[in-house]
Full PDB file with SEQRES, HELIX, SHEET, SSBOND, CRYST1, ORIGX, SCALE, CONECT and MASTER records, all heavy atoms in Angstrom:
SEQRES   1 A   31  GLY LEU THR ILE LYS THR PRO TRP ALA PHE GLN ALA ALA          
SEQRES   2 A   31  ILE MET ASN GLY THR ASP PRO SER PRO GLN ASP VAL ALA          
SEQRES   3 A   31  LEU GLN THR GLN LEU                                          
HELIX    1 AA1 TRP A    8  MET A   15  1                                   8    
HELIX    2 AA2 PRO A   22  GLN A   30  1                                   9    
CRYST1    1.000    1.000    1.000  90.00  90.00  90.00 P 1           1          
ORIGX1      1.000000  0.000000  0.000000        0.00000                         
ORIGX2      0.000000  1.000000  0.000000        0.00000                         
ORIGX3      0.000000  0.000000  1.000000        0.00000                         
SCALE1      1.000000  0.000000  0.000000        0.00000                         
SCALE2      0.000000  1.000000  0.000000        0.00000                         
SCALE3      0.000000  0.000000  1.000000        0.00000                         
ATOM      1  N   GLY A   1    -184.118 -40.581 -80.907  1.00  0.00           N  
ATOM      2  CA  GLY A   1    -184.675 -39.688 -81.911  1.00  0.00           C  
ATOM      3  C   GLY A   1    -183.890 -39.609 -83.200  1.00  0.00           C  
ATOM      4  O   GLY A   1    -184.155 -38.731 -84.028  1.00  0.00           O  
ATOM      5  N   LEU A   2    -182.935 -40.518 -83.402  1.00  0.00           N  
ATOM      6  CA  LEU A   2    -182.190 -40.525 -84.655  1.00  0.00           C  
ATOM      7  C   LEU A   2    -183.014 -41.214 -85.739  1.00  0.00           C  
ATOM      8  O   LEU A   2    -183.874 -42.062 -85.450  1.00  0.00           O  
ATOM      9  CB  LEU A   2    -180.851 -41.233 -84.484  1.00  0.00           C  
ATOM     10  CG  LEU A   2    -179.904 -40.628 -83.443  1.00  0.00           C  
ATOM     11  CD1 LEU A   2    -178.593 -41.397 -83.412  1.00  0.00           C  
ATOM     12  CD2 LEU A   2    -179.646 -39.163 -83.716  1.00  0.00           C  
ATOM     13  N   THR A   3    -182.757 -40.860 -86.989  1.00  0.00           N  
ATOM     14  CA  THR A   3    -183.483 -41.438 -88.112  1.00  0.00           C  
ATOM     15  C   THR A   3    -182.617 -42.514 -88.768  1.00  0.00           C  
ATOM     16  O   THR A   3    -181.548 -42.214 -89.302  1.00  0.00           O  
ATOM     17  CB  THR A   3    -183.830 -40.361 -89.158  1.00  0.00           C  
ATOM     18  OG1 THR A   3    -184.612 -39.338 -88.532  1.00  0.00           O  
ATOM     19  CG2 THR A   3    -184.607 -40.958 -90.317  1.00  0.00           C  
ATOM     20  N   ILE A   4    -183.084 -43.753 -88.708  1.00  0.00           N  
ATOM     21  CA  ILE A   4    -182.335 -44.864 -89.308  1.00  0.00           C  
ATOM     22  C   ILE A   4    -182.682 -44.900 -90.791  1.00  0.00           C  
ATOM     23  O   ILE A   4    -183.817 -45.173 -91.171  1.00  0.00           O  
ATOM     24  CB  ILE A   4    -182.695 -46.199 -88.628  1.00  0.00           C  
ATOM     25  CG1 ILE A   4    -182.360 -46.139 -87.136  1.00  0.00           C  
ATOM     26  CG2 ILE A   4    -181.941 -47.361 -89.297  1.00  0.00           C  
ATOM     27  CD1 ILE A   4    -182.942 -47.268 -86.326  1.00  0.00           C  
ATOM     28  N   LYS A   5    -181.692 -44.646 -91.633  1.00  0.00           N  
ATOM     29  CA  LYS A   5    -181.942 -44.509 -93.063  1.00  0.00           C  
ATOM     30  C   LYS A   5    -181.600 -45.762 -93.858  1.00  0.00           C  
ATOM     31  O   LYS A   5    -181.978 -45.855 -95.033  1.00  0.00           O  
ATOM     32  CB  LYS A   5    -181.173 -43.308 -93.601  1.00  0.00           C  
ATOM     33  CG  LYS A   5    -181.661 -41.984 -92.999  1.00  0.00           C  
ATOM     34  CD  LYS A   5    -181.292 -40.789 -93.841  1.00  0.00           C  
ATOM     35  CE  LYS A   5    -181.999 -39.538 -93.355  1.00  0.00           C  
ATOM     36  NZ  LYS A   5    -181.738 -38.370 -94.218  1.00  0.00           N  
ATOM     37  N   THR A   6    -180.906 -46.707 -93.263  1.00  0.00           N  
ATOM     38  CA  THR A   6    -180.606 -47.958 -93.952  1.00  0.00           C  
ATOM     39  C   THR A   6    -181.907 -48.699 -94.267  1.00  0.00           C  
ATOM     40  O   THR A   6    -182.747 -48.874 -93.374  1.00  0.00           O  
ATOM     41  CB  THR A   6    -179.708 -48.856 -93.079  1.00  0.00           C  
ATOM     42  OG1 THR A   6    -178.480 -48.167 -92.839  1.00  0.00           O  
ATOM     43  CG2 THR A   6    -179.426 -50.181 -93.760  1.00  0.00           C  
ATOM     44  N   PRO A   7    -182.102 -49.162 -95.501  1.00  0.00           N  
ATOM     45  CA  PRO A   7    -183.333 -49.900 -95.825  1.00  0.00           C  
ATOM     46  C   PRO A   7    -183.504 -51.115 -94.924  1.00  0.00           C  
ATOM     47  O   PRO A   7    -182.509 -51.808 -94.610  1.00  0.00           O  
ATOM     48  CB  PRO A   7    -183.098 -50.322 -97.287  1.00  0.00           C  
ATOM     49  CG  PRO A   7    -182.083 -49.362 -97.818  1.00  0.00           C  
ATOM     50  CD  PRO A   7    -181.203 -49.015 -96.664  1.00  0.00           C  
ATOM     51  N   TRP A   8    -184.752 -51.358 -94.515  1.00  0.00           N  
ATOM     52  CA  TRP A   8    -184.985 -52.512 -93.641  1.00  0.00           C  
ATOM     53  C   TRP A   8    -184.563 -53.812 -94.333  1.00  0.00           C  
ATOM     54  O   TRP A   8    -184.012 -54.704 -93.680  1.00  0.00           O  
ATOM     55  CB  TRP A   8    -186.452 -52.594 -93.216  1.00  0.00           C  
ATOM     56  CG  TRP A   8    -186.708 -53.867 -92.470  1.00  0.00           C  
ATOM     57  CD1 TRP A   8    -187.346 -54.979 -92.920  1.00  0.00           C  
ATOM     58  CD2 TRP A   8    -186.242 -54.180 -91.142  1.00  0.00           C  
ATOM     59  NE1 TRP A   8    -187.316 -55.967 -91.967  1.00  0.00           N  
ATOM     60  CE2 TRP A   8    -186.648 -55.507 -90.864  1.00  0.00           C  
ATOM     61  CE3 TRP A   8    -185.526 -53.483 -90.186  1.00  0.00           C  
ATOM     62  CZ2 TRP A   8    -186.361 -56.132 -89.654  1.00  0.00           C  
ATOM     63  CZ3 TRP A   8    -185.237 -54.107 -88.969  1.00  0.00           C  
ATOM     64  CH2 TRP A   8    -185.657 -55.410 -88.715  1.00  0.00           C  
ATOM     65  N   ALA A   9    -184.807 -53.934 -95.623  1.00  0.00           N  
ATOM     66  CA  ALA A   9    -184.444 -55.168 -96.331  1.00  0.00           C  
ATOM     67  C   ALA A   9    -182.947 -55.418 -96.243  1.00  0.00           C  
ATOM     68  O   ALA A   9    -182.506 -56.576 -96.145  1.00  0.00           O  
ATOM     69  CB  ALA A   9    -184.888 -55.090 -97.790  1.00  0.00           C  
ATOM     70  N   PHE A  10    -182.150 -54.372 -96.270  1.00  0.00           N  
ATOM     71  CA  PHE A  10    -180.701 -54.500 -96.114  1.00  0.00           C  
ATOM     72  C   PHE A  10    -180.380 -55.033 -94.716  1.00  0.00           C  
ATOM     73  O   PHE A  10    -179.599 -55.990 -94.555  1.00  0.00           O  
ATOM     74  CB  PHE A  10    -180.041 -53.135 -96.330  1.00  0.00           C  
ATOM     75  CG  PHE A  10    -178.540 -53.132 -96.234  1.00  0.00           C  
ATOM     76  CD1 PHE A  10    -177.756 -53.092 -97.376  1.00  0.00           C  
ATOM     77  CD2 PHE A  10    -177.889 -53.139 -94.993  1.00  0.00           C  
ATOM     78  CE1 PHE A  10    -176.366 -53.072 -97.298  1.00  0.00           C  
ATOM     79  CE2 PHE A  10    -176.512 -53.126 -94.897  1.00  0.00           C  
ATOM     80  CZ  PHE A  10    -175.747 -53.097 -96.059  1.00  0.00           C  
ATOM     81  N   GLN A  11    -180.984 -54.436 -93.692  1.00  0.00           N  
ATOM     82  CA  GLN A  11    -180.743 -54.863 -92.313  1.00  0.00           C  
ATOM     83  C   GLN A  11    -181.157 -56.320 -92.098  1.00  0.00           C  
ATOM     84  O   GLN A  11    -180.439 -57.096 -91.460  1.00  0.00           O  
ATOM     85  CB  GLN A  11    -181.534 -53.976 -91.351  1.00  0.00           C  
ATOM     86  CG  GLN A  11    -181.141 -52.514 -91.376  1.00  0.00           C  
ATOM     87  CD  GLN A  11    -181.917 -51.736 -90.336  1.00  0.00           C  
ATOM     88  OE1 GLN A  11    -181.883 -52.049 -89.138  1.00  0.00           O  
ATOM     89  NE2 GLN A  11    -182.634 -50.707 -90.759  1.00  0.00           N  
ATOM     90  N   ALA A  12    -182.324 -56.670 -92.612  1.00  0.00           N  
ATOM     91  CA  ALA A  12    -182.843 -58.026 -92.417  1.00  0.00           C  
ATOM     92  C   ALA A  12    -181.954 -59.050 -93.098  1.00  0.00           C  
ATOM     93  O   ALA A  12    -181.732 -60.154 -92.568  1.00  0.00           O  
ATOM     94  CB  ALA A  12    -184.271 -58.122 -92.950  1.00  0.00           C  
ATOM     95  N   ALA A  13    -181.420 -58.706 -94.270  1.00  0.00           N  
ATOM     96  CA  ALA A  13    -180.540 -59.638 -94.978  1.00  0.00           C  
ATOM     97  C   ALA A  13    -179.284 -59.911 -94.164  1.00  0.00           C  
ATOM     98  O   ALA A  13    -178.891 -61.073 -93.972  1.00  0.00           O  
ATOM     99  CB  ALA A  13    -180.187 -59.075 -96.351  1.00  0.00           C  
ATOM    100  N   ILE A  14    -178.642 -58.866 -93.660  1.00  0.00           N  
ATOM    101  CA  ILE A  14    -177.436 -59.060 -92.851  1.00  0.00           C  
ATOM    102  C   ILE A  14    -177.764 -59.833 -91.581  1.00  0.00           C  
ATOM    103  O   ILE A  14    -177.041 -60.746 -91.178  1.00  0.00           O  
ATOM    104  CB  ILE A  14    -176.794 -57.698 -92.505  1.00  0.00           C  
ATOM    105  CG1 ILE A  14    -176.383 -56.949 -93.774  1.00  0.00           C  
ATOM    106  CG2 ILE A  14    -175.595 -57.900 -91.590  1.00  0.00           C  
ATOM    107  CD1 ILE A  14    -175.290 -57.601 -94.575  1.00  0.00           C  
ATOM    108  N   MET A  15    -178.875 -59.498 -90.938  1.00  0.00           N  
ATOM    109  CA  MET A  15    -179.281 -60.180 -89.708  1.00  0.00           C  
ATOM    110  C   MET A  15    -179.483 -61.670 -89.937  1.00  0.00           C  
ATOM    111  O   MET A  15    -179.147 -62.499 -89.083  1.00  0.00           O  
ATOM    112  CB  MET A  15    -180.572 -59.555 -89.165  1.00  0.00           C  
ATOM    113  CG  MET A  15    -181.098 -60.212 -87.899  1.00  0.00           C  
ATOM    114  SD  MET A  15    -182.518 -59.339 -87.172  1.00  0.00           S  
ATOM    115  CE  MET A  15    -183.790 -59.587 -88.409  1.00  0.00           C  
ATOM    116  N   ASN A  16    -180.025 -62.017 -91.083  1.00  0.00           N  
ATOM    117  CA  ASN A  16    -180.342 -63.416 -91.369  1.00  0.00           C  
ATOM    118  C   ASN A  16    -179.252 -64.140 -92.133  1.00  0.00           C  
ATOM    119  O   ASN A  16    -179.445 -65.267 -92.585  1.00  0.00           O  
ATOM    120  CB  ASN A  16    -181.664 -63.492 -92.137  1.00  0.00           C  
ATOM    121  CG  ASN A  16    -182.840 -63.085 -91.285  1.00  0.00           C  
ATOM    122  OD1 ASN A  16    -182.924 -63.447 -90.115  1.00  0.00           O  
ATOM    123  ND2 ASN A  16    -183.743 -62.288 -91.846  1.00  0.00           N  
ATOM    124  N   GLY A  17    -178.094 -63.492 -92.296  1.00  0.00           N  
ATOM    125  CA  GLY A  17    -176.962 -64.165 -92.901  1.00  0.00           C  
ATOM    126  C   GLY A  17    -177.031 -64.315 -94.402  1.00  0.00           C  
ATOM    127  O   GLY A  17    -176.435 -65.240 -94.963  1.00  0.00           O  
ATOM    128  N   THR A  18    -177.740 -63.423 -95.069  1.00  0.00           N  
ATOM    129  CA  THR A  18    -177.813 -63.464 -96.526  1.00  0.00           C  
ATOM    130  C   THR A  18    -177.277 -62.145 -97.087  1.00  0.00           C  
ATOM    131  O   THR A  18    -177.090 -61.167 -96.361  1.00  0.00           O  
ATOM    132  CB  THR A  18    -179.255 -63.684 -97.013  1.00  0.00           C  
ATOM    133  OG1 THR A  18    -180.077 -62.589 -96.560  1.00  0.00           O  
ATOM    134  CG2 THR A  18    -179.820 -64.989 -96.466  1.00  0.00           C  
ATOM    135  N   ASP A  19    -177.034 -62.122 -98.394  1.00  0.00           N  
ATOM    136  CA  ASP A  19    -176.516 -60.916 -99.024  1.00  0.00           C  
ATOM    137  C   ASP A  19    -177.660 -59.956 -99.348  1.00  0.00           C  
ATOM    138  O   ASP A  19    -178.679 -60.371 -99.907  1.00  0.00           O  
ATOM    139  CB  ASP A  19    -175.773 -61.254-100.318  1.00  0.00           C  
ATOM    140  CG  ASP A  19    -174.493 -62.027-100.054  1.00  0.00           C  
ATOM    141  OD1 ASP A  19    -173.866 -61.789 -99.001  1.00  0.00           O  
ATOM    142  OD2 ASP A  19    -174.125 -62.879-100.898  1.00  0.00           O  
ATOM    143  N   PRO A  20    -177.502 -58.682 -99.009  1.00  0.00           N  
ATOM    144  CA  PRO A  20    -178.526 -57.701 -99.404  1.00  0.00           C  
ATOM    145  C   PRO A  20    -178.553 -57.554-100.915  1.00  0.00           C  
ATOM    146  O   PRO A  20    -177.554 -57.823-101.602  1.00  0.00           O  
ATOM    147  CB  PRO A  20    -178.075 -56.413 -98.717  1.00  0.00           C  
ATOM    148  CG  PRO A  20    -176.622 -56.595 -98.453  1.00  0.00           C  
ATOM    149  CD  PRO A  20    -176.409 -58.059 -98.251  1.00  0.00           C  
ATOM    150  N   SER A  21    -179.681 -57.148-101.435  1.00  0.00           N  
ATOM    151  CA  SER A  21    -179.829 -56.997-102.883  1.00  0.00           C  
ATOM    152  C   SER A  21    -178.936 -55.877-103.398  1.00  0.00           C  
ATOM    153  O   SER A  21    -178.591 -54.948-102.658  1.00  0.00           O  
ATOM    154  CB  SER A  21    -181.285 -56.690-103.235  1.00  0.00           C  
ATOM    155  OG  SER A  21    -181.612 -55.365-102.821  1.00  0.00           O  
ATOM    156  N   PRO A  22    -178.547 -55.927-104.681  1.00  0.00           N  
ATOM    157  CA  PRO A  22    -177.757 -54.833-105.263  1.00  0.00           C  
ATOM    158  C   PRO A  22    -178.453 -53.484-105.119  1.00  0.00           C  
ATOM    159  O   PRO A  22    -177.786 -52.459-104.906  1.00  0.00           O  
ATOM    160  CB  PRO A  22    -177.622 -55.251-106.729  1.00  0.00           C  
ATOM    161  CG  PRO A  22    -177.739 -56.742-106.718  1.00  0.00           C  
ATOM    162  CD  PRO A  22    -178.730 -57.040-105.635  1.00  0.00           C  
ATOM    163  N   GLN A  23    -179.773 -53.484-105.223  1.00  0.00           N  
ATOM    164  CA  GLN A  23    -180.509 -52.226-105.091  1.00  0.00           C  
ATOM    165  C   GLN A  23    -180.352 -51.646-103.676  1.00  0.00           C  
ATOM    166  O   GLN A  23    -180.165 -50.428-103.517  1.00  0.00           O  
ATOM    167  CB  GLN A  23    -181.997 -52.448-105.407  1.00  0.00           C  
ATOM    168  CG  GLN A  23    -182.287 -52.823-106.846  1.00  0.00           C  
ATOM    169  CD  GLN A  23    -182.164 -54.327-107.099  1.00  0.00           C  
ATOM    170  OE1 GLN A  23    -181.701 -55.079-106.237  1.00  0.00           O  
ATOM    171  NE2 GLN A  23    -182.597 -54.760-108.277  1.00  0.00           N  
ATOM    172  N   ASP A  24    -180.436 -52.503-102.672  1.00  0.00           N  
ATOM    173  CA  ASP A  24    -180.298 -52.016-101.301  1.00  0.00           C  
ATOM    174  C   ASP A  24    -178.861 -51.608-100.991  1.00  0.00           C  
ATOM    175  O   ASP A  24    -178.632 -50.662-100.232  1.00  0.00           O  
ATOM    176  CB  ASP A  24    -180.781 -53.081-100.311  1.00  0.00           C  
ATOM    177  CG  ASP A  24    -182.295 -53.226-100.309  1.00  0.00           C  
ATOM    178  OD1 ASP A  24    -182.978 -52.213-100.528  1.00  0.00           O  
ATOM    179  OD2 ASP A  24    -182.792 -54.352-100.114  1.00  0.00           O  
ATOM    180  N   VAL A  25    -177.908 -52.320-101.559  1.00  0.00           N  
ATOM    181  CA  VAL A  25    -176.510 -51.914-101.396  1.00  0.00           C  
ATOM    182  C   VAL A  25    -176.288 -50.534-102.006  1.00  0.00           C  
ATOM    183  O   VAL A  25    -175.597 -49.679-101.430  1.00  0.00           O  
ATOM    184  CB  VAL A  25    -175.560 -52.950-102.035  1.00  0.00           C  
ATOM    185  CG1 VAL A  25    -174.127 -52.419-102.071  1.00  0.00           C  
ATOM    186  CG2 VAL A  25    -175.615 -54.266-101.267  1.00  0.00           C  
ATOM    187  N   ALA A  26    -176.899 -50.297-103.162  1.00  0.00           N  
ATOM    188  CA  ALA A  26    -176.770 -48.990-103.824  1.00  0.00           C  
ATOM    189  C   ALA A  26    -177.395 -47.887-102.974  1.00  0.00           C  
ATOM    190  O   ALA A  26    -176.835 -46.785-102.846  1.00  0.00           O  
ATOM    191  CB  ALA A  26    -177.423 -49.037-105.201  1.00  0.00           C  
ATOM    192  N   LEU A  27    -178.547 -48.167-102.374  1.00  0.00           N  
ATOM    193  CA  LEU A  27    -179.199 -47.180-101.512  1.00  0.00           C  
ATOM    194  C   LEU A  27    -178.353 -46.886-100.283  1.00  0.00           C  
ATOM    195  O   LEU A  27    -178.214 -45.722 -99.871  1.00  0.00           O  
ATOM    196  CB  LEU A  27    -180.582 -47.688-101.094  1.00  0.00           C  
ATOM    197  CG  LEU A  27    -181.663 -47.688-102.174  1.00  0.00           C  
ATOM    198  CD1 LEU A  27    -182.909 -48.408-101.673  1.00  0.00           C  
ATOM    199  CD2 LEU A  27    -182.009 -46.261-102.598  1.00  0.00           C  
ATOM    200  N   GLN A  28    -177.784 -47.931 -99.699  1.00  0.00           N  
ATOM    201  CA  GLN A  28    -176.913 -47.738 -98.536  1.00  0.00           C  
ATOM    202  C   GLN A  28    -175.670 -46.936 -98.921  1.00  0.00           C  
ATOM    203  O   GLN A  28    -175.250 -46.027 -98.196  1.00  0.00           O  
ATOM    204  CB  GLN A  28    -176.511 -49.105 -97.959  1.00  0.00           C  
ATOM    205  CG  GLN A  28    -175.544 -49.062 -96.784  1.00  0.00           C  
ATOM    206  CD  GLN A  28    -176.211 -48.929 -95.435  1.00  0.00           C  
ATOM    207  OE1 GLN A  28    -177.257 -48.276 -95.320  1.00  0.00           O  
ATOM    208  NE2 GLN A  28    -175.630 -49.533 -94.419  1.00  0.00           N  
ATOM    209  N   THR A  29    -175.107 -47.240-100.063  1.00  0.00           N  
ATOM    210  CA  THR A  29    -173.920 -46.517-100.529  1.00  0.00           C  
ATOM    211  C   THR A  29    -174.215 -45.033-100.692  1.00  0.00           C  
ATOM    212  O   THR A  29    -173.414 -44.167-100.307  1.00  0.00           O  
ATOM    213  CB  THR A  29    -173.428 -47.114-101.862  1.00  0.00           C  
ATOM    214  OG1 THR A  29    -173.100 -48.494-101.675  1.00  0.00           O  
ATOM    215  CG2 THR A  29    -172.217 -46.361-102.383  1.00  0.00           C  
ATOM    216  N   GLN A  30    -175.381 -44.735-101.232  1.00  0.00           N  
ATOM    217  CA  GLN A  30    -175.764 -43.341-101.443  1.00  0.00           C  
ATOM    218  C   GLN A  30    -175.863 -42.576-100.127  1.00  0.00           C  
ATOM    219  O   GLN A  30    -175.552 -41.381-100.067  1.00  0.00           O  
ATOM    220  CB  GLN A  30    -177.096 -43.282-102.184  1.00  0.00           C  
ATOM    221  CG  GLN A  30    -177.582 -41.871-102.495  1.00  0.00           C  
ATOM    222  CD  GLN A  30    -178.846 -41.878-103.328  1.00  0.00           C  
ATOM    223  OE1 GLN A  30    -178.875 -42.431-104.428  1.00  0.00           O  
ATOM    224  NE2 GLN A  30    -179.905 -41.277-102.793  1.00  0.00           N  
ATOM    225  N   LEU A  31    -176.288 -43.257 -99.069  1.00  0.00           N  
ATOM    226  CA  LEU A  31    -176.369 -42.605 -97.767  1.00  0.00           C  
ATOM    227  C   LEU A  31    -175.008 -42.064 -97.341  1.00  0.00           C  
ATOM    228  O   LEU A  31    -174.907 -41.005 -96.708  1.00  0.00           O  
ATOM    229  CB  LEU A  31    -176.885 -43.580 -96.705  1.00  0.00           C  
ATOM    230  CG  LEU A  31    -178.303 -44.136 -96.875  1.00  0.00           C  
ATOM    231  CD1 LEU A  31    -178.598 -45.149 -95.785  1.00  0.00           C  
ATOM    232  CD2 LEU A  31    -179.325 -43.009 -96.858  1.00  0.00           C  
TER     233      LEU A  31                                                      
MASTER        0    0    0    2    0    0    0    6  232    1    0    3          
END                                                                             
């Protein structure tokens, strides 16, 4: 029942071995 707040695009980038976008990094940082 926890709420995963990390953007999916950020998760998918790390999972697939690529760098997340600056926008998604900024959103994650804000969390």
